[in-house]
């Protein structure tokens, strides 16, 4: 999926050096997989709550792939 397609579907972009993270709050089921899995990247007590560069891109991608709702998507910039 392209960045434009994600934005058009209501995802918000959080840019990083090697990976961009996209989040759609209307899709999120609040399972907490992201916050429990990579708290340095996903912290709801911080603004912005997603900091894409706070973990290696491979770890971020693996966690996003485990998101049960599809509220999180990513685009790799390093591959």
PDB file of N, CA and C in Angstrom:
ATOM      1  N   UNK A   1       0.851  -1.182   0.000  1.00  0.00           N
ATOM      2  CA  UNK A   1       0.000   0.000   0.000  1.00  0.00           C
ATOM      3  C   UNK A   1       0.894   1.241   0.000  1.00  0.00           C
ATOM      4  N   UNK A   2       0.476   2.257  -0.702  1.00  0.00           N
ATOM      5  CA  UNK A   2       1.268   3.478  -0.776  1.00  0.00           C
ATOM      6  C   UNK A   2       0.894   4.438   0.354  1.00  0.00           C
ATOM      7  N   UNK A   3       1.776   5.413   0.566  1.00  0.00           N
ATOM      8  CA  UNK A   3       1.504   6.433   1.572  1.00  0.00           C
ATOM      9  C   UNK A   3       0.194   7.153   1.271  1.00  0.00           C
ATOM     10  N   UNK A   4      -0.017   7.503   0.027  1.00  0.00           N
ATOM     11  CA  UNK A   4      -1.241   8.214  -0.358  1.00  0.00           C
ATOM     12  C   UNK A   4      -2.479   7.372  -0.054  1.00  0.00           C
ATOM     13  N   UNK A   5      -2.414   6.081  -0.360  1.00  0.00           N
ATOM     14  CA  UNK A   5      -3.554   5.203  -0.080  1.00  0.00           C
ATOM     15  C   UNK A   5      -3.840   5.134   1.420  1.00  0.00           C
ATOM     16  N   UNK A   6      -2.788   5.035   2.225  1.00  0.00           N
ATOM     17  CA  UNK A   6      -2.975   4.982   3.677  1.00  0.00           C
ATOM     18  C   UNK A   6      -3.585   6.285   4.193  1.00  0.00           C
ATOM     19  N   UNK A   7      -3.052   7.412   3.756  1.00  0.00           N
ATOM     20  CA  UNK A   7      -3.588   8.715   4.182  1.00  0.00           C
ATOM     21  C   UNK A   7      -5.053   8.852   3.752  1.00  0.00           C
ATOM     22  N   UNK A   8      -5.353   8.438   2.526  1.00  0.00           N
ATOM     23  CA  UNK A   8      -6.729   8.507   2.019  1.00  0.00           C
ATOM     24  C   UNK A   8      -7.677   7.622   2.827  1.00  0.00           C
ATOM     25  N   UNK A   9      -7.152   6.561   3.445  1.00  0.00           N
ATOM     26  CA  UNK A   9      -7.973   5.668   4.258  1.00  0.00           C
ATOM     27  C   UNK A   9      -8.062   6.113   5.720  1.00  0.00           C
ATOM     28  N   UNK A  10      -7.478   7.267   6.039  1.00  0.00           N
ATOM     29  CA  UNK A  10      -7.608   7.813   7.382  1.00  0.00           C
ATOM     30  C   UNK A  10      -6.443   7.546   8.309  1.00  0.00           C
ATOM     31  N   UNK A  11      -5.350   7.034   7.777  1.00  0.00           N
ATOM     32  CA  UNK A  11      -4.165   6.791   8.601  1.00  0.00           C
ATOM     33  C   UNK A  11      -3.370   8.077   8.770  1.00  0.00           C
ATOM     34  N   UNK A  12      -2.779   8.240   9.939  1.00  0.00           N
ATOM     35  CA  UNK A  12      -1.908   9.376  10.222  1.00  0.00           C
ATOM     36  C   UNK A  12      -0.464   8.885  10.183  1.00  0.00           C
ATOM     37  N   UNK A  13       0.412   9.678   9.616  1.00  0.00           N
ATOM     38  CA  UNK A  13       1.806   9.282   9.416  1.00  0.00           C
ATOM     39  C   UNK A  13       2.695   9.787  10.545  1.00  0.00           C
ATOM     40  N   UNK A  14       3.568   8.888  11.021  1.00  0.00           N
ATOM     41  CA  UNK A  14       4.608   9.210  11.998  1.00  0.00           C
ATOM     42  C   UNK A  14       5.937   8.819  11.348  1.00  0.00           C
ATOM     43  N   UNK A  15       6.709   9.810  10.960  1.00  0.00           N
ATOM     44  CA  UNK A  15       7.918   9.578  10.166  1.00  0.00           C
ATOM     45  C   UNK A  15       9.117   9.189  11.010  1.00  0.00           C
ATOM     46  N   UNK A  16       9.928   8.304  10.435  1.00  0.00           N
ATOM     47  CA  UNK A  16      11.196   7.922  11.015  1.00  0.00           C
ATOM     48  C   UNK A  16      12.263   7.899   9.937  1.00  0.00           C
ATOM     49  N   UNK A  17      13.487   7.677  10.347  1.00  0.00           N
ATOM     50  CA  UNK A  17      14.598   7.626   9.388  1.00  0.00           C
ATOM     51  C   UNK A  17      14.500   6.413   8.470  1.00  0.00           C
ATOM     52  N   UNK A  18      14.179   5.248   9.039  1.00  0.00           N
ATOM     53  CA  UNK A  18      14.185   4.014   8.258  1.00  0.00           C
ATOM     54  C   UNK A  18      12.806   3.395   8.074  1.00  0.00           C
ATOM     55  N   UNK A  19      11.813   3.900   8.819  1.00  0.00           N
ATOM     56  CA  UNK A  19      10.457   3.363   8.716  1.00  0.00           C
ATOM     57  C   UNK A  19       9.458   4.467   9.051  1.00  0.00           C
ATOM     58  N   UNK A  20       8.393   4.527   8.283  1.00  0.00           N
ATOM     59  CA  UNK A  20       7.276   5.419   8.589  1.00  0.00           C
ATOM     60  C   UNK A  20       6.149   4.554   9.142  1.00  0.00           C
ATOM     61  N   UNK A  21       5.560   5.000  10.239  1.00  0.00           N
ATOM     62  CA  UNK A  21       4.463   4.285  10.877  1.00  0.00           C
ATOM     63  C   UNK A  21       3.172   5.046  10.596  1.00  0.00           C
ATOM     64  N   UNK A  22       2.126   4.306  10.297  1.00  0.00           N
ATOM     65  CA  UNK A  22       0.813   4.883  10.028  1.00  0.00           C
ATOM     66  C   UNK A  22      -0.180   4.297  11.022  1.00  0.00           C
ATOM     67  N   UNK A  23      -1.040   5.155  11.572  1.00  0.00           N
ATOM     68  CA  UNK A  23      -2.012   4.729  12.573  1.00  0.00           C
ATOM     69  C   UNK A  23      -3.389   5.276  12.219  1.00  0.00           C
ATOM     70  N   UNK A  24      -4.406   4.414  12.343  1.00  0.00           N
ATOM     71  CA  UNK A  24      -5.786   4.810  12.123  1.00  0.00           C
ATOM     72  C   UNK A  24      -6.583   4.501  13.389  1.00  0.00           C
ATOM     73  N   UNK A  25      -6.908   5.538  14.135  1.00  0.00           N
ATOM     74  CA  UNK A  25      -7.619   5.383  15.399  1.00  0.00           C
ATOM     75  C   UNK A  25      -9.010   4.799  15.264  1.00  0.00           C
ATOM     76  N   UNK A  26      -9.648   4.985  14.120  1.00  0.00           N
ATOM     77  CA  UNK A  26     -10.995   4.445  13.951  1.00  0.00           C
ATOM     78  C   UNK A  26     -10.977   2.931  13.707  1.00  0.00           C
ATOM     79  N   UNK A  27      -9.826   2.378  13.389  1.00  0.00           N
ATOM     80  CA  UNK A  27      -9.682   0.938  13.175  1.00  0.00           C
ATOM     81  C   UNK A  27      -9.199   0.245  14.454  1.00  0.00           C
ATOM     82  N   UNK A  28      -8.519   0.982  15.313  1.00  0.00           N
ATOM     83  CA  UNK A  28      -7.885   0.426  16.511  1.00  0.00           C
ATOM     84  C   UNK A  28      -8.909  -0.196  17.462  1.00  0.00           C
ATOM     85  N   UNK A  29      -8.583  -1.396  17.968  1.00  0.00           N
ATOM     86  CA  UNK A  29      -9.443  -2.066  18.948  1.00  0.00           C
ATOM     87  C   UNK A  29      -8.827  -2.006  20.350  1.00  0.00           C
ATOM     88  N   UNK A  30      -7.758  -1.260  20.506  1.00  0.00           N
ATOM     89  CA  UNK A  30      -7.108  -1.012  21.794  1.00  0.00           C
ATOM     90  C   UNK A  30      -6.683  -2.305  22.496  1.00  0.00           C
ATOM     91  N   UNK A  31      -6.093  -3.203  21.738  1.00  0.00           N
ATOM     92  CA  UNK A  31      -5.606  -4.463  22.307  1.00  0.00           C
ATOM     93  C   UNK A  31      -4.346  -4.238  23.141  1.00  0.00           C
ATOM     94  N   UNK A  32      -3.626  -3.163  22.881  1.00  0.00           N
ATOM     95  CA  UNK A  32      -2.428  -2.843  23.650  1.00  0.00           C
ATOM     96  C   UNK A  32      -1.172  -3.549  23.183  1.00  0.00           C
ATOM     97  N   UNK A  33      -1.247  -4.279  22.102  1.00  0.00           N
ATOM     98  CA  UNK A  33      -0.074  -4.992  21.583  1.00  0.00           C
ATOM     99  C   UNK A  33       1.077  -4.016  21.338  1.00  0.00           C
ATOM    100  N   UNK A  34       0.799  -2.878  20.785  1.00  0.00           N
ATOM    101  CA  UNK A  34       1.850  -1.904  20.455  1.00  0.00           C
ATOM    102  C   UNK A  34       2.503  -1.329  21.715  1.00  0.00           C
ATOM    103  N   UNK A  35       1.695  -0.881  22.655  1.00  0.00           N
ATOM    104  CA  UNK A  35       2.208  -0.223  23.851  1.00  0.00           C
ATOM    105  C   UNK A  35       2.985  -1.207  24.734  1.00  0.00           C
ATOM    106  N   UNK A  36       2.463  -2.398  24.864  1.00  0.00           N
ATOM    107  CA  UNK A  36       3.165  -3.418  25.669  1.00  0.00           C
ATOM    108  C   UNK A  36       4.395  -3.957  24.943  1.00  0.00           C
ATOM    109  N   UNK A  37       4.340  -4.008  23.624  1.00  0.00           N
ATOM    110  CA  UNK A  37       5.422  -4.607  22.861  1.00  0.00           C
ATOM    111  C   UNK A  37       6.634  -3.715  22.672  1.00  0.00           C
ATOM    112  N   UNK A  38       6.415  -2.444  22.375  1.00  0.00           N
ATOM    113  CA  UNK A  38       7.510  -1.491  22.156  1.00  0.00           C
ATOM    114  C   UNK A  38       7.135  -0.151  22.780  1.00  0.00           C
ATOM    115  N   UNK A  39       7.217  -0.091  24.089  1.00  0.00           N
ATOM    116  CA  UNK A  39       6.798   1.117  24.804  1.00  0.00           C
ATOM    117  C   UNK A  39       7.644   2.340  24.433  1.00  0.00           C
ATOM    118  N   UNK A  40       8.897   2.135  24.044  1.00  0.00           N
ATOM    119  CA  UNK A  40       9.730   3.275  23.636  1.00  0.00           C
ATOM    120  C   UNK A  40       9.224   3.912  22.342  1.00  0.00           C
ATOM    121  N   UNK A  41       8.554   3.127  21.518  1.00  0.00           N
ATOM    122  CA  UNK A  41       8.000   3.636  20.260  1.00  0.00           C
ATOM    123  C   UNK A  41       6.570   4.118  20.465  1.00  0.00           C
ATOM    124  N   UNK A  42       5.767   3.330  21.163  1.00  0.00           N
ATOM    125  CA  UNK A  42       4.340   3.615  21.347  1.00  0.00           C
ATOM    126  C   UNK A  42       4.067   3.943  22.816  1.00  0.00           C
ATOM    127  N   UNK A  43       3.804   5.205  23.106  1.00  0.00           N
ATOM    128  CA  UNK A  43       3.560   5.648  24.485  1.00  0.00           C
ATOM    129  C   UNK A  43       2.407   6.648  24.470  1.00  0.00           C
ATOM    130  N   UNK A  44       1.260   6.211  24.928  1.00  0.00           N
ATOM    131  CA  UNK A  44       0.065   7.057  24.878  1.00  0.00           C
ATOM    132  C   UNK A  44       0.118   8.245  25.827  1.00  0.00           C
ATOM    133  N   UNK A  45       1.095   8.286  26.715  1.00  0.00           N
ATOM    134  CA  UNK A  45       1.249   9.424  27.620  1.00  0.00           C
ATOM    135  C   UNK A  45       2.165  10.502  27.060  1.00  0.00           C
ATOM    136  N   UNK A  46       2.623  10.329  25.841  1.00  0.00           N
ATOM    137  CA  UNK A  46       3.563  11.256  25.206  1.00  0.00           C
ATOM    138  C   UNK A  46       2.928  11.801  23.932  1.00  0.00           C
ATOM    139  N   UNK A  47       3.320  12.990  23.553  1.00  0.00           N
ATOM    140  CA  UNK A  47       2.903  13.582  22.281  1.00  0.00           C
ATOM    141  C   UNK A  47       4.148  13.973  21.498  1.00  0.00           C
ATOM    142  N   UNK A  48       4.341  13.519  20.281  1.00  0.00           N
ATOM    143  CA  UNK A  48       3.484  12.520  19.639  1.00  0.00           C
ATOM    144  C   UNK A  48       3.646  11.162  20.314  1.00  0.00           C
ATOM    145  N   UNK A  49       2.614  10.371  20.267  1.00  0.00           N
ATOM    146  CA  UNK A  49       2.637   9.107  20.997  1.00  0.00           C
ATOM    147  C   UNK A  49       3.414   8.022  20.271  1.00  0.00           C
ATOM    148  N   UNK A  50       3.722   8.236  18.986  1.00  0.00           N
ATOM    149  CA  UNK A  50       4.521   7.288  18.211  1.00  0.00           C
ATOM    150  C   UNK A  50       5.821   7.965  17.795  1.00  0.00           C
ATOM    151  N   UNK A  51       6.949   7.360  18.172  1.00  0.00           N
ATOM    152  CA  UNK A  51       8.284   7.810  17.754  1.00  0.00           C
ATOM    153  C   UNK A  51       8.940   6.658  17.010  1.00  0.00           C
ATOM    154  N   UNK A  52       8.874   6.711  15.701  1.00  0.00           N
ATOM    155  CA  UNK A  52       9.295   5.593  14.844  1.00  0.00           C
ATOM    156  C   UNK A  52      10.764   5.213  15.014  1.00  0.00           C
ATOM    157  N   UNK A  53      11.611   6.151  15.371  1.00  0.00           N
ATOM    158  CA  UNK A  53      13.049   5.889  15.469  1.00  0.00           C
ATOM    159  C   UNK A  53      13.493   5.353  16.824  1.00  0.00           C
ATOM    160  N   UNK A  54      12.576   5.092  17.736  1.00  0.00           N
ATOM    161  CA  UNK A  54      12.957   4.657  19.083  1.00  0.00           C
ATOM    162  C   UNK A  54      13.207   3.157  19.214  1.00  0.00           C
ATOM    163  N   UNK A  55      13.220   2.443  18.092  1.00  0.00           N
ATOM    164  CA  UNK A  55      13.565   1.016  18.064  1.00  0.00           C
ATOM    165  C   UNK A  55      14.002   0.690  16.641  1.00  0.00           C
ATOM    166  N   UNK A  56      14.768  -0.391  16.482  1.00  0.00           N
ATOM    167  CA  UNK A  56      15.180  -0.793  15.128  1.00  0.00           C
ATOM    168  C   UNK A  56      13.966  -1.074  14.239  1.00  0.00           C
ATOM    169  N   UNK A  57      14.085  -0.727  12.965  1.00  0.00           N
ATOM    170  CA  UNK A  57      12.976  -0.880  12.019  1.00  0.00           C
ATOM    171  C   UNK A  57      12.460  -2.311  11.955  1.00  0.00           C
ATOM    172  N   UNK A  58      13.349  -3.297  12.065  1.00  0.00           N
ATOM    173  CA  UNK A  58      12.908  -4.694  12.029  1.00  0.00           C
ATOM    174  C   UNK A  58      11.980  -5.015  13.198  1.00  0.00           C
ATOM    175  N   UNK A  59      12.290  -4.495  14.376  1.00  0.00           N
ATOM    176  CA  UNK A  59      11.451  -4.725  15.558  1.00  0.00           C
ATOM    177  C   UNK A  59      10.108  -4.023  15.411  1.00  0.00           C
ATOM    178  N   UNK A  60      10.145  -2.796  14.904  1.00  0.00           N
ATOM    179  CA  UNK A  60       8.907  -2.035  14.696  1.00  0.00           C
ATOM    180  C   UNK A  60       8.012  -2.762  13.691  1.00  0.00           C
ATOM    181  N   UNK A  61       8.591  -3.196  12.580  1.00  0.00           N
ATOM    182  CA  UNK A  61       7.816  -3.895  11.552  1.00  0.00           C
ATOM    183  C   UNK A  61       7.208  -5.184  12.097  1.00  0.00           C
ATOM    184  N   UNK A  62       7.983  -5.955  12.855  1.00  0.00           N
ATOM    185  CA  UNK A  62       7.473  -7.210  13.418  1.00  0.00           C
ATOM    186  C   UNK A  62       6.308  -6.949  14.363  1.00  0.00           C
ATOM    187  N   UNK A  63       6.410  -5.919  15.179  1.00  0.00           N
ATOM    188  CA  UNK A  63       5.322  -5.604  16.101  1.00  0.00           C
ATOM    189  C   UNK A  63       4.079  -5.164  15.328  1.00  0.00           C
ATOM    190  N   UNK A  64       4.256  -4.299  14.346  1.00  0.00           N
ATOM    191  CA  UNK A  64       3.111  -3.826  13.560  1.00  0.00           C
ATOM    192  C   UNK A  64       2.446  -4.986  12.830  1.00  0.00           C
ATOM    193  N   UNK A  65       3.238  -5.942  12.356  1.00  0.00           N
ATOM    194  CA  UNK A  65       2.670  -7.121  11.704  1.00  0.00           C
ATOM    195  C   UNK A  65       1.801  -7.941  12.653  1.00  0.00           C
ATOM    196  N   UNK A  66       2.010  -7.778  13.966  1.00  0.00           N
ATOM    197  CA  UNK A  66       1.220  -8.525  14.942  1.00  0.00           C
ATOM    198  C   UNK A  66      -0.008  -7.751  15.440  1.00  0.00           C
ATOM    199  N   UNK A  67      -0.212  -6.542  14.944  1.00  0.00           N
ATOM    200  CA  UNK A  67      -1.378  -5.741  15.347  1.00  0.00           C
ATOM    201  C   UNK A  67      -2.647  -6.454  14.878  1.00  0.00           C
ATOM    202  N   UNK A  68      -3.538  -6.829  15.812  1.00  0.00           N
ATOM    203  CA  UNK A  68      -4.711  -7.622  15.428  1.00  0.00           C
ATOM    204  C   UNK A  68      -5.769  -6.870  14.624  1.00  0.00           C
ATOM    205  N   UNK A  69      -5.792  -5.552  14.722  1.00  0.00           N
ATOM    206  CA  UNK A  69      -6.862  -4.800  14.059  1.00  0.00           C
ATOM    207  C   UNK A  69      -6.471  -4.239  12.698  1.00  0.00           C
ATOM    208  N   UNK A  70      -5.177  -4.110  12.446  1.00  0.00           N
ATOM    209  CA  UNK A  70      -4.741  -3.454  11.218  1.00  0.00           C
ATOM    210  C   UNK A  70      -4.684  -1.944  11.355  1.00  0.00           C
ATOM    211  N   UNK A  71      -4.805  -1.444  12.581  1.00  0.00           N
ATOM    212  CA  UNK A  71      -4.758   0.001  12.809  1.00  0.00           C
ATOM    213  C   UNK A  71      -3.365   0.564  12.575  1.00  0.00           C
ATOM    214  N   UNK A  72      -2.357  -0.278  12.646  1.00  0.00           N
ATOM    215  CA  UNK A  72      -0.978   0.133  12.411  1.00  0.00           C
ATOM    216  C   UNK A  72      -0.474  -0.451  11.094  1.00  0.00           C
ATOM    217  N   UNK A  73       0.166   0.374  10.309  1.00  0.00           N
ATOM    218  CA  UNK A  73       0.786  -0.033   9.056  1.00  0.00           C
ATOM    219  C   UNK A  73       2.151   0.630   9.005  1.00  0.00           C
ATOM    220  N   UNK A  74       2.989   0.192   8.103  1.00  0.00           N
ATOM    221  CA  UNK A  74       4.311   0.809   7.969  1.00  0.00           C
ATOM    222  C   UNK A  74       4.783   0.757   6.528  1.00  0.00           C
ATOM    223  N   UNK A  75       5.709   1.664   6.240  1.00  0.00           N
ATOM    224  CA  UNK A  75       6.429   1.666   4.974  1.00  0.00           C
ATOM    225  C   UNK A  75       7.901   1.753   5.311  1.00  0.00           C
ATOM    226  N   UNK A  76       8.668   0.751   4.885  1.00  0.00           N
ATOM    227  CA  UNK A  76      10.113   0.739   5.120  1.00  0.00           C
ATOM    228  C   UNK A  76      10.790   1.696   4.153  1.00  0.00           C
ATOM    229  N   UNK A  77      11.790   2.404   4.641  1.00  0.00           N
ATOM    230  CA  UNK A  77      12.559   3.323   3.808  1.00  0.00           C
ATOM    231  C   UNK A  77      13.970   2.810   3.576  1.00  0.00           C
ATOM    232  N   UNK A  78      14.320   1.707   4.263  1.00  0.00           N
ATOM    233  CA  UNK A  78      15.696   1.208   4.214  1.00  0.00           C
ATOM    234  C   UNK A  78      15.840  -0.038   3.350  1.00  0.00           C
ATOM    235  N   UNK A  79      14.784  -0.459   2.680  1.00  0.00           N
ATOM    236  CA  UNK A  79      14.857  -1.677   1.867  1.00  0.00           C
ATOM    237  C   UNK A  79      14.390  -1.443   0.470  1.00  0.00           C
TER     238      UNK A  79
END
